[in-house]
Amino acid sequence: MKFKLQIIWLKSLLFSYLIFFMAGKVTAQEFNCSVNVNDRQISGSSYDYVSELSGDIENYLNDYRWTNDRYEDHERILCNMQIVLTNVDSNFNYTSEVVITMRRPIYNTNQQSLTIVLSDNNWRFHYPRNKNLIHDDLQFDDLASFLDFYAYIMLGFDYDSFAELGGSQHFRSAENVFELGQNSGVQGWGRSIGAQRNRYGLITDLRNPAYEDLRKAIYRYHRLGLDQFTIDPEIARNQVLSALDLLRENKRVTSNNYLFDIFFSTKYTEIVALFRDADVETRLEAYNLLRDVDPAHSSEYERLQN
């Protein structure tokens, strides 16, 4: 009788462990990504299955465990992919344009900060009916590897925002995916000369030590500035000013503006909101910095002078 009770106890313990493990696994994944596919330019009954693409991509991004770190559900990276299919051939090779947005939570609030907005207008991929998406870091696939590349890019930006240069390993992973794509010879994965606003230009600059101050500014802006705003707005604004100054100095000594344009096109409205209620001296300091480092949005920054 005692032996039977021990068996029952062990089974109960094992069941509890499995429930705990499975619950942990549910919250282990990093992404909470939604995908919208616009297929209005694609016609013909042969391609009606393309409605499955959004679900396939969501499952691929959200169900795979991209890191060894544990994520609680509220910590998952919020992202969105807007995909416009522009053409398809008889072999089910699709061409598309994509906009990717990512958000991170702001500490001590129920709000999120828009972290990056990325556009890619040169994605060509093979998507026949019933295609299985399989993650493989050693094999190139024109659909899965594209998702891998941008998943690692998003992880890199997210980790950079929480720790100084914290995203380096993820940017290395993105670079590895790019090299697989480059070796494949597939459209959109080639090297290019000059400051190209494409996958090559993006990963080249992110892996270039010359832009590390920009990445350090991303950390200072988010973790030391934005995340501290509800605790002490004055200290938080000073940290944001320090980040903006670091961005300005880094921009002066580098040749490509791509990463700076990504940052400011994503952040300019948020930056204005951060300084709108500051004292006059702080607002003017912010205005002068922003006008210098990001003249493209000068009209928005004028609001800080009022």
Protein backbone atom coordinates (compact mmCIF):
# COMPACT_ATOMS: atom_id res chain seq x y z
CA MET A 1 0.00 0.00 0.00
CA LYS A 2 2.82 2.36 0.90
CA PHE A 3 4.53 1.55 -2.42
CA LYS A 4 1.35 2.36 -4.38
CA LEU A 5 1.01 5.68 -2.58
CA GLN A 6 4.60 6.54 -3.51
CA ILE A 7 3.86 5.77 -7.17
CA ILE A 8 0.75 7.97 -7.08
CA TRP A 9 2.77 10.74 -5.45
CA LEU A 10 5.52 10.49 -8.07
CA LYS A 11 2.97 10.57 -10.91
CA SER A 12 1.35 13.62 -9.35
CA LEU A 13 4.73 15.31 -9.00
CA LEU A 14 5.64 14.50 -12.60
CA PHE A 15 2.30 15.81 -13.83
CA SER A 16 2.78 19.04 -11.87
CA TYR A 17 6.27 19.42 -13.31
CA LEU A 18 5.00 18.94 -16.86
CA ILE A 19 2.25 21.50 -16.33
CA PHE A 20 4.81 23.97 -14.96
CA PHE A 21 7.22 23.25 -17.80
CA MET A 22 4.56 23.66 -20.46
CA ALA A 23 3.31 26.89 -18.88
CA GLY A 24 6.87 28.20 -18.84
CA LYS A 25 7.30 27.23 -22.44
CA VAL A 26 4.21 29.19 -23.44
CA THR A 27 5.75 32.38 -22.05
CA ALA A 28 9.29 31.58 -23.21
CA GLN A 29 8.84 32.82 -26.76
CA GLU A 30 10.09 36.31 -27.46
CA PHE A 31 7.68 37.67 -30.08
CA ASN A 32 4.04 38.61 -30.12
CA CYS A 33 3.85 39.50 -33.77
CA SER A 34 0.82 40.15 -35.94
CA VAL A 35 1.01 39.87 -39.72
CA ASN A 36 -1.23 41.42 -42.34
CA VAL A 37 -0.94 40.35 -45.98
CA ASN A 38 -2.44 42.50 -48.73
CA ASP A 39 -3.00 40.22 -51.75
CA ARG A 40 -5.25 42.51 -53.80
CA GLN A 41 -2.76 42.62 -56.66
CA ILE A 42 -2.70 38.81 -56.86
CA SER A 43 -5.57 37.20 -58.75
CA GLY A 44 -6.42 33.69 -59.87
CA SER A 45 -7.75 30.60 -58.13
CA SER A 46 -4.29 29.01 -58.22
CA TYR A 47 -3.18 31.50 -55.60
CA ASP A 48 -6.20 31.49 -53.27
CA TYR A 49 -4.17 29.62 -50.62
CA VAL A 50 -2.02 32.74 -50.11
CA SER A 51 -4.52 33.73 -47.42
CA GLU A 52 -2.65 31.23 -45.23
CA LEU A 53 0.60 33.20 -45.44
CA SER A 54 -0.12 35.58 -42.55
CA GLY A 55 -0.90 32.72 -40.16
CA ASP A 56 2.15 30.76 -41.29
CA ILE A 57 4.44 33.73 -40.62
CA GLU A 58 2.84 34.50 -37.25
CA ASN A 59 3.27 30.90 -36.13
CA TYR A 60 6.86 30.86 -37.33
CA LEU A 61 7.84 34.05 -35.50
CA ASN A 62 5.79 33.59 -32.35
CA ASP A 63 6.22 29.88 -31.68
CA TYR A 64 9.96 29.53 -32.17
CA ARG A 65 12.26 30.20 -29.22
CA TRP A 66 14.89 32.61 -30.54
CA THR A 67 16.99 33.02 -27.37
CA ASN A 68 17.76 31.19 -24.14
CA ASP A 69 16.19 33.96 -22.06
CA ARG A 70 12.85 33.53 -20.35
CA TYR A 71 10.11 35.99 -21.24
CA GLU A 72 6.96 36.65 -19.30
CA ASP A 73 3.90 37.22 -21.45
CA HIS A 74 3.91 40.99 -20.82
CA GLU A 75 7.60 41.15 -21.80
CA ARG A 76 7.16 39.71 -25.28
CA ILE A 77 8.25 41.94 -28.14
CA LEU A 78 5.25 43.45 -29.89
CA CYS A 79 5.76 43.60 -33.63
CA ASN A 80 3.73 43.98 -36.77
CA MET A 81 4.44 43.07 -40.38
CA GLN A 82 2.50 44.71 -43.19
CA ILE A 83 3.13 42.74 -46.38
CA VAL A 84 1.93 43.86 -49.81
CA LEU A 85 2.18 41.17 -52.48
CA THR A 86 2.93 42.93 -55.76
CA ASN A 87 3.41 40.03 -58.19
CA VAL A 88 3.55 36.26 -58.57
CA ASP A 89 4.71 33.98 -61.37
CA SER A 90 3.55 30.53 -62.47
CA ASN A 91 6.12 28.88 -60.18
CA PHE A 92 4.64 30.57 -57.08
CA ASN A 93 7.49 33.03 -56.67
CA TYR A 94 6.05 36.12 -55.01
CA THR A 95 7.44 39.64 -54.91
CA SER A 96 6.44 41.90 -52.07
CA GLU A 97 7.00 45.07 -50.06
CA VAL A 98 7.13 44.92 -46.27
CA VAL A 99 6.90 47.37 -43.38
CA ILE A 100 7.98 46.08 -39.96
CA THR A 101 7.26 47.88 -36.71
CA MET A 102 8.34 46.92 -33.20
CA ARG A 103 7.41 48.18 -29.74
CA ARG A 104 8.86 47.73 -26.27
CA PRO A 105 7.14 48.30 -22.91
CA ILE A 106 7.95 51.47 -20.96
CA TYR A 107 8.94 50.71 -17.38
CA ASN A 108 6.35 51.41 -14.69
CA THR A 109 3.60 52.19 -17.22
CA ASN A 110 1.09 50.30 -19.31
CA GLN A 111 2.39 52.01 -22.45
CA GLN A 112 4.71 50.89 -25.23
CA SER A 113 7.34 52.82 -27.13
CA LEU A 114 7.64 52.45 -30.89
CA THR A 115 11.22 51.21 -31.20
CA ILE A 116 11.81 50.81 -34.93
CA VAL A 117 10.03 51.08 -38.26
CA LEU A 118 11.76 49.27 -41.11
CA SER A 119 10.81 49.06 -44.78
CA ASP A 120 11.97 46.43 -47.25
CA ASN A 121 10.76 46.79 -50.83
CA ASN A 122 12.70 43.93 -52.37
CA TRP A 123 11.49 40.62 -50.96
CA ARG A 124 11.10 37.75 -53.40
CA PHE A 125 10.18 34.32 -52.03
CA HIS A 126 8.87 30.92 -53.07
CA TYR A 127 5.57 30.01 -51.43
CA PRO A 128 3.81 27.01 -52.97
CA ARG A 129 0.70 25.48 -51.48
CA ASN A 130 1.29 23.63 -48.17
CA LYS A 131 4.80 24.96 -47.73
CA ASN A 132 6.31 24.18 -44.33
CA LEU A 133 8.38 26.91 -42.67
CA ILE A 134 11.33 25.36 -40.86
CA HIS A 135 13.93 27.31 -38.91
CA ASP A 136 17.47 26.36 -39.93
CA ASP A 137 20.40 28.66 -39.23
CA LEU A 138 22.60 26.71 -41.65
CA GLN A 139 20.33 26.53 -44.70
CA PHE A 140 18.98 29.42 -46.75
CA ASP A 141 15.31 29.67 -47.57
CA ASP A 142 14.07 32.82 -49.28
CA LEU A 143 10.98 32.98 -47.03
CA ALA A 144 12.18 31.66 -43.67
CA SER A 145 15.60 33.33 -43.86
CA PHE A 146 14.00 36.72 -44.50
CA LEU A 147 11.97 36.25 -41.33
CA ASP A 148 15.07 35.07 -39.47
CA PHE A 149 17.02 38.13 -40.57
CA TYR A 150 14.44 40.61 -39.32
CA ALA A 151 13.69 38.60 -36.18
CA TYR A 152 17.36 38.92 -35.20
CA ILE A 153 17.36 42.61 -36.17
CA MET A 154 14.37 43.22 -33.89
CA LEU A 155 15.96 41.25 -31.08
CA GLY A 156 19.14 43.29 -31.50
CA PHE A 157 17.32 46.61 -31.22
CA ASP A 158 15.26 45.36 -28.28
CA TYR A 159 18.29 44.12 -26.33
CA ASP A 160 20.22 47.30 -27.17
CA SER A 161 17.43 49.28 -25.52
CA PHE A 162 17.80 47.37 -22.24
CA ALA A 163 21.60 47.00 -22.01
CA GLU A 164 24.48 48.92 -23.56
CA LEU A 165 25.36 47.09 -26.81
CA GLY A 166 23.19 44.26 -25.52
CA GLY A 167 22.00 43.27 -28.99
CA SER A 168 25.42 42.45 -30.45
CA GLN A 169 24.95 38.68 -30.56
CA HIS A 170 21.62 39.06 -32.35
CA PHE A 171 23.08 41.41 -34.93
CA ARG A 172 25.82 38.81 -35.49
CA SER A 173 23.10 36.22 -36.08
CA ALA A 174 21.41 38.56 -38.58
CA GLU A 175 24.74 39.00 -40.34
CA ASN A 176 25.12 35.22 -40.59
CA VAL A 177 21.67 34.96 -42.18
CA PHE A 178 22.58 37.74 -44.61
CA GLU A 179 25.74 35.91 -45.65
CA LEU A 180 23.69 32.78 -46.38
CA GLY A 181 21.40 34.90 -48.53
CA GLN A 182 24.31 36.57 -50.28
CA ASN A 183 25.84 33.19 -51.15
CA SER A 184 22.51 32.03 -52.55
CA GLY A 185 22.45 34.77 -55.17
CA VAL A 186 18.74 35.40 -54.54
CA GLN A 187 17.37 38.87 -55.29
CA GLY A 188 17.56 41.31 -52.37
CA TRP A 189 20.50 39.65 -50.63
CA GLY A 190 23.37 41.14 -52.59
CA ARG A 191 26.07 43.56 -51.50
CA SER A 192 25.87 47.10 -52.79
CA ILE A 193 28.18 50.08 -52.94
CA GLY A 194 27.49 53.22 -50.93
CA ALA A 195 24.88 54.02 -48.29
CA GLN A 196 22.16 51.70 -49.54
CA ARG A 197 18.92 51.51 -47.58
CA ASN A 198 18.48 47.78 -47.78
CA ARG A 199 19.38 44.61 -45.88
CA TYR A 200 23.05 44.97 -46.73
CA GLY A 201 23.23 48.62 -45.62
CA LEU A 202 21.29 47.88 -42.45
CA ILE A 203 23.37 44.98 -41.15
CA THR A 204 26.66 46.47 -42.36
CA ASP A 205 26.14 49.63 -40.29
CA LEU A 206 24.79 47.78 -37.26
CA ARG A 207 27.90 45.58 -37.21
CA ASN A 208 30.27 48.51 -37.85
CA PRO A 209 32.07 49.65 -34.64
CA ALA A 210 31.87 53.22 -35.96
CA TYR A 211 28.14 53.22 -35.09
CA GLU A 212 28.46 51.84 -31.57
CA ASP A 213 27.83 55.29 -30.06
CA LEU A 214 24.48 55.34 -31.85
CA ARG A 215 23.65 51.99 -30.28
CA LYS A 216 24.79 53.25 -26.87
CA ALA A 217 22.50 56.25 -27.35
CA ILE A 218 19.58 53.87 -27.98
CA TYR A 219 20.22 52.33 -24.56
CA ARG A 220 20.60 55.69 -22.86
CA TYR A 221 17.44 57.02 -24.49
CA HIS A 222 15.26 54.05 -23.54
CA ARG A 223 16.59 52.57 -20.31
CA LEU A 224 18.05 55.65 -18.62
CA GLY A 225 15.62 58.15 -20.08
CA LEU A 226 12.24 56.81 -21.13
CA ASP A 227 12.03 54.07 -18.50
CA GLN A 228 12.82 56.55 -15.70
CA PHE A 229 10.36 59.22 -16.79
CA THR A 230 7.61 58.36 -14.30
CA ILE A 231 10.17 58.29 -11.46
CA ASP A 232 11.95 61.59 -12.16
CA PRO A 233 11.08 63.45 -15.38
CA GLU A 234 13.92 65.95 -15.01
CA ILE A 235 16.63 63.28 -14.72
CA ALA A 236 15.00 61.31 -17.52
CA ARG A 237 15.01 64.33 -19.85
CA ASN A 238 18.67 64.98 -19.07
CA GLN A 239 19.48 61.42 -20.07
CA VAL A 240 17.54 61.86 -23.31
CA LEU A 241 19.47 65.07 -23.99
CA SER A 242 22.69 63.17 -23.38
CA ALA A 243 21.56 60.48 -25.83
CA LEU A 244 20.71 63.10 -28.45
CA ASP A 245 24.11 64.72 -28.01
CA LEU A 246 25.79 61.33 -28.44
CA LEU A 247 23.78 60.78 -31.62
CA ARG A 248 24.83 64.16 -32.95
CA GLU A 249 28.51 63.52 -32.32
CA ASN A 250 28.34 60.05 -33.83
CA LYS A 251 26.57 61.36 -36.92
CA ARG A 252 29.33 63.92 -37.42
CA VAL A 253 32.06 61.28 -37.65
CA THR A 254 30.23 58.67 -39.76
CA SER A 255 29.32 58.66 -43.43
CA ASN A 256 25.92 56.94 -43.64
CA ASN A 257 22.70 58.36 -42.21
CA TYR A 258 20.55 55.24 -42.52
CA LEU A 259 20.52 54.22 -38.83
CA PHE A 260 20.07 57.82 -37.68
CA ASP A 261 17.13 58.25 -40.04
CA ILE A 262 15.57 55.02 -38.74
CA PHE A 263 15.88 56.28 -35.17
CA PHE A 264 14.47 59.76 -35.73
CA SER A 265 11.72 58.80 -38.17
CA THR A 266 10.53 56.41 -35.45
CA LYS A 267 11.07 58.66 -32.44
CA TYR A 268 10.52 62.30 -33.39
CA THR A 269 6.92 62.57 -32.13
CA GLU A 270 7.82 60.77 -28.90
CA ILE A 271 10.79 63.08 -28.33
CA VAL A 272 8.61 66.16 -28.75
CA ALA A 273 6.11 64.71 -26.25
CA LEU A 274 8.91 64.07 -23.73
CA PHE A 275 10.00 67.72 -23.76
CA ARG A 276 6.69 69.53 -24.24
CA ASP A 277 6.19 70.09 -20.49
CA ALA A 278 9.84 70.80 -19.66
CA ASP A 279 11.07 74.21 -18.58
CA VAL A 280 11.97 76.72 -21.28
CA GLU A 281 15.72 76.23 -20.98
CA THR A 282 15.46 72.44 -21.36
CA ARG A 283 13.05 72.73 -24.29
CA LEU A 284 15.38 75.12 -26.13
CA GLU A 285 18.37 72.87 -25.49
CA ALA A 286 16.45 69.96 -26.92
CA TYR A 287 15.30 72.03 -29.89
CA ASN A 288 18.83 73.13 -30.79
CA LEU A 289 20.14 69.58 -30.55
CA LEU A 290 17.31 68.14 -32.62
CA ARG A 291 17.45 70.82 -35.28
CA ASP A 292 21.13 70.02 -35.73
CA VAL A 293 21.01 66.23 -35.71
CA ASP A 294 17.63 65.72 -37.41
CA PRO A 295 16.80 68.65 -39.72
CA ALA A 296 14.25 66.52 -41.61
CA HIS A 297 11.75 66.95 -38.76
CA SER A 298 12.54 70.56 -37.88
CA SER A 299 8.94 71.65 -38.37
CA GLU A 300 7.84 69.23 -35.63
CA TYR A 301 10.60 70.37 -33.29
CA GLU A 302 9.44 73.98 -33.68
CA ARG A 303 6.70 73.09 -31.21
CA LEU A 304 9.33 73.05 -28.47
CA GLN A 305 9.86 76.80 -28.91
CA ASN A 306 6.29 77.68 -28.06
